Structures are given as C-alpha cells and as structure tokens.
Protein backbone atom coordinates (compact mmCIF):
# COMPACT_ATOMS: atom_id res chain seq x y z
CA MET A 1 -2.67 6.03 14.05
CA GLU A 2 -3.37 8.59 11.29
CA LEU A 3 -2.56 8.38 7.49
CA VAL A 4 -0.52 11.36 6.39
CA THR A 5 0.35 12.77 2.97
CA PRO A 6 4.00 12.32 2.51
CA ALA A 7 5.66 16.12 2.96
CA LEU A 8 9.11 17.95 2.78
CA GLU A 9 9.17 17.89 7.07
CA HIS A 10 8.94 13.80 6.50
CA LYS A 11 12.04 13.49 5.53
CA GLN A 12 14.58 12.08 7.76
CA ALA A 13 11.90 10.13 9.28
CA ALA A 14 10.93 8.66 5.52
CA TRP A 15 14.49 7.81 4.91
CA GLU A 16 15.30 5.80 7.89
CA TYR A 17 11.72 4.04 7.69
CA ARG A 18 13.25 3.13 3.88
CA GLN A 19 16.52 2.30 5.21
CA GLU A 20 15.20 -0.24 7.86
CA CYS A 21 12.73 -1.90 4.81
CA LEU A 22 16.26 -2.16 2.78
CA ASP A 23 17.93 -3.15 5.29
CA CYS A 24 15.71 -5.92 6.37
CA GLY A 25 16.26 -7.84 2.64
CA GLU A 26 12.67 -5.77 1.31
CA SER A 27 13.37 -5.77 -2.13
CA SER A 28 10.59 -3.04 -2.74
CA ILE A 29 8.09 -1.42 -0.31
CA HIS A 30 4.64 -2.00 -0.89
CA GLY A 31 2.37 0.75 -1.25
CA SER A 32 4.95 3.56 -1.55
CA SER A 33 5.13 3.89 -5.22
CA SER A 34 8.66 2.67 -5.64
CA PHE A 35 10.28 4.76 -2.59
CA SER A 36 12.58 2.26 -2.42
CA GLU A 37 13.96 3.29 -5.83
CA ALA A 38 13.35 6.86 -5.36
CA VAL A 39 17.02 9.19 -6.34
CA ASP A 40 16.34 11.59 -3.33
CA TYR A 41 13.18 11.98 -1.71
CA GLU A 42 12.12 15.08 -3.39
CA SER A 43 12.08 13.68 -6.53
CA TRP A 44 9.63 10.69 -5.32
CA LEU A 45 7.21 13.39 -3.65
CA ALA A 46 6.97 15.08 -6.82
CA LYS A 47 6.20 11.83 -8.54
CA ILE A 48 3.71 11.04 -6.15
CA ASN A 49 2.10 14.12 -5.98
CA ARG A 50 1.86 14.52 -9.81
CA ASN A 51 0.14 10.46 -9.71
CA GLU A 52 -2.51 11.20 -7.47
CA ARG A 53 -3.78 14.17 -11.18
CA VAL A 54 -2.03 12.17 -13.62
CA ALA A 55 -1.00 8.51 -14.46
CA SER A 56 2.60 7.51 -15.51
CA PRO A 57 1.93 4.56 -18.78
CA GLY A 58 1.25 1.96 -17.25
CA TRP A 59 0.04 3.11 -13.98
CA VAL A 60 -3.08 4.46 -12.60
CA THR A 61 -3.85 7.71 -10.38
CA GLY A 62 -3.33 7.40 -7.17
CA SER A 63 -2.80 8.39 -3.47
CA VAL A 64 0.02 7.54 -0.95
CA TYR A 65 -0.06 7.84 2.48
CA PHE A 66 2.75 7.48 5.65
CA ALA A 67 0.53 5.81 8.45
CA ILE A 68 2.07 7.56 11.80
CA VAL A 69 1.66 6.16 15.08
CA GLU A 70 3.01 8.75 18.16
CA GLY A 71 4.94 10.47 15.73
CA ARG A 72 6.83 7.55 13.70
CA ILE A 73 6.77 6.10 10.54
CA VAL A 74 4.89 2.55 10.98
CA GLY A 75 4.09 2.10 7.56
CA THR A 76 2.83 3.23 3.87
CA VAL A 77 0.19 2.84 2.26
CA ALA A 78 -1.15 3.23 -1.36
CA VAL A 79 -5.02 3.83 -2.55
CA ARG A 80 -5.40 3.49 -6.38
CA HIS A 81 -8.17 5.17 -7.55
CA TYR A 82 -9.25 2.83 -10.15
CA LEU A 83 -7.93 -0.36 -11.20
CA ASN A 84 -6.46 -1.50 -14.82
CA ASP A 85 -6.08 -5.14 -16.03
CA ALA A 86 -2.72 -5.79 -13.83
CA LEU A 87 -4.05 -4.30 -10.75
CA LEU A 88 -7.25 -6.14 -11.49
CA ASN A 89 -5.11 -9.58 -11.25
CA ASP A 90 -2.66 -8.55 -9.17
CA GLY A 91 -2.13 -5.58 -7.17
CA GLY A 92 -5.43 -4.39 -6.04
CA HIS A 93 -6.80 -1.14 -4.61
CA ILE A 94 -4.88 -1.12 -1.65
CA GLY A 95 -0.90 -1.77 -1.23
CA TYR A 96 0.78 -1.53 2.24
CA GLU A 97 3.60 -2.06 3.89
CA ILE A 98 4.91 -2.28 7.53
CA ARG A 99 8.00 -1.32 9.02
CA PRO A 100 10.03 -4.45 9.82
CA SER A 101 10.26 -3.67 13.09
CA GLN A 102 6.74 -2.74 13.81
CA ARG A 103 4.96 -6.06 11.99
CA ARG A 104 3.03 -8.27 14.05
CA GLN A 105 1.21 -5.09 16.78
CA GLY A 106 -1.70 -4.96 14.52
CA TYR A 107 -0.88 -1.66 12.40
CA GLY A 108 -1.78 -3.79 9.07
CA LYS A 109 -5.44 -3.98 10.18
CA GLN A 110 -5.70 -0.34 11.27
CA MET A 111 -3.84 1.05 8.41
CA LEU A 112 -6.40 -1.28 6.46
CA ILE A 113 -9.03 -0.17 8.11
CA LEU A 114 -7.96 3.89 7.30
CA ALA A 115 -7.36 2.89 3.66
CA LEU A 116 -10.97 1.88 3.08
CA LEU A 117 -12.21 5.15 4.34
CA LYS A 118 -9.97 6.82 2.30
CA CYS A 119 -11.22 4.84 -1.13
CA ARG A 120 -14.90 5.57 0.28
CA GLU A 121 -13.89 9.58 0.06
CA PHE A 122 -12.50 8.70 -3.65
CA GLY A 123 -15.85 7.13 -4.60
CA ILE A 124 -14.76 3.11 -4.74
CA GLU A 125 -17.45 1.53 -3.73
CA ARG A 126 -16.18 -2.10 -3.83
CA VAL A 127 -12.20 -2.81 -2.70
CA LEU A 128 -10.14 -5.56 -4.02
CA ILE A 129 -7.14 -6.49 -1.99
CA THR A 130 -4.41 -9.08 -3.08
CA CYS A 131 -1.99 -11.09 -1.49
CA ASP A 132 0.72 -14.14 -2.11
CA LYS A 133 -1.42 -17.07 -1.14
CA ASP A 134 1.65 -17.59 1.70
CA ASN A 135 1.15 -14.55 3.22
CA ILE A 136 -1.11 -15.67 6.10
CA ALA A 137 -0.76 -12.24 8.08
CA SER A 138 -2.10 -10.21 4.62
CA ALA A 139 -5.20 -12.88 4.26
CA LYS A 140 -6.12 -12.73 7.53
CA THR A 141 -5.81 -8.53 7.55
CA ALA A 142 -7.99 -8.75 4.32
CA MET A 143 -10.68 -10.48 5.85
CA SER A 144 -10.75 -8.85 9.39
CA ALA A 145 -11.90 -5.98 7.19
CA GLY A 146 -14.78 -7.90 5.45
CA GLY A 147 -12.62 -9.15 2.66
CA LYS A 148 -14.24 -12.45 0.81
CA LEU A 149 -12.19 -14.35 -1.13
CA GLU A 150 -12.70 -14.44 -4.99
CA ASN A 151 -10.20 -16.84 -6.39
CA GLU A 152 -6.88 -17.55 -7.03
CA THR A 153 -4.89 -16.17 -9.96
CA THR A 154 -1.23 -16.62 -11.26
CA GLY A 155 0.77 -13.63 -10.66
CA GLU A 156 3.82 -11.82 -12.62
CA ASP A 157 6.17 -13.76 -10.50
CA GLY A 158 4.49 -16.74 -11.00
CA GLY A 159 3.02 -16.88 -7.32
CA ILE A 160 -0.57 -17.91 -6.36
CA VAL A 161 -1.94 -14.42 -5.40
CA GLN A 162 -5.61 -14.49 -3.98
CA ARG A 163 -8.47 -11.91 -4.47
CA TYR A 164 -10.56 -10.21 -1.65
CA TRP A 165 -13.21 -8.39 -2.25
CA ILE A 166 -14.80 -6.05 -0.02
CA GLY A 167 -17.48 -3.75 -0.16
CA LEU A 168 -17.92 -0.66 1.23
C-alpha cells in the first residue's frame, strides 16, 4: 500500500471509488475533504491543493491522500496539520475511509500507520484519533497503532465519541 496525493490521473478511479461509497449508503466519505459533495473532480482537486496551504473558514490546513493497493484506490486519508476546537472534540488529526468492498482486510491499520508517518513529517508529535463509540473496528485500529483512550465526549451529532492519543 502507498499513500498518494490525488492527481488528474486518478480521476476515473476516484469517481468509481466515490460511487461505490455512495451506493453503499455512505453519507460522506471520511478523510476526503468532502469528496462526496464534489461537483466535479477538478474543483475538488483545486480545493484540497489549496487547503494544504490555506485553511477555509472553520477548517484547518491538511493533506488528503488516496490509499492505493495494486493500482486500485482502497481508501482516502486526511491528515490535519493542527487541531481547532471542533477537531479536538470530534475529528482528530487523521480521518480515513475504506472502500466498502475492501473492508475487513487490514487496510485500516496500514492506512493509519502510513498516515502517522505523514504526521511525523508535518512535525506533529502527538496525534489524536477519534471514532464513534460503536465503531469497534476503528477503536481497535487506533489501539493497534498505540492509541490510548483518553476519554469519551459528545459529538456534533449527539453520539458518543472516543478520543485516542498516539505519541510519535
């Protein structure tokens, strides 16, 4: 697996990934900087490239990557360069989504490990990972990378969010 910065050459594969997520009932694609709401691929690319340098109001700067295995997009990963109050409560430094047809194959752990390496490159020494309390797979993934549960909070949707910290 490798994390690659989205580019024009990924357009067709990216739209297929997006459609699979939407067809499976995903309301948003985590770790994609709103790819599910994109009007077109080129505008989304411009948005994520701009967001690496300049944060939109209410957002933080961050980097988005495609997780690629054998030439296929298996997921998206967002690494947020710092946290605002909202992300400190619910969102954290890293967000990710695994393609529905590729889940339960260990890709989440691989993506998280690679995302933690990116965090280190950005100078982040302590990484926050959050997940809904009922998302057992994400909690196990965070713990497998050394995540320590700090506490539980209430998310924007009213659900319980678990907050895991990983020291780099």
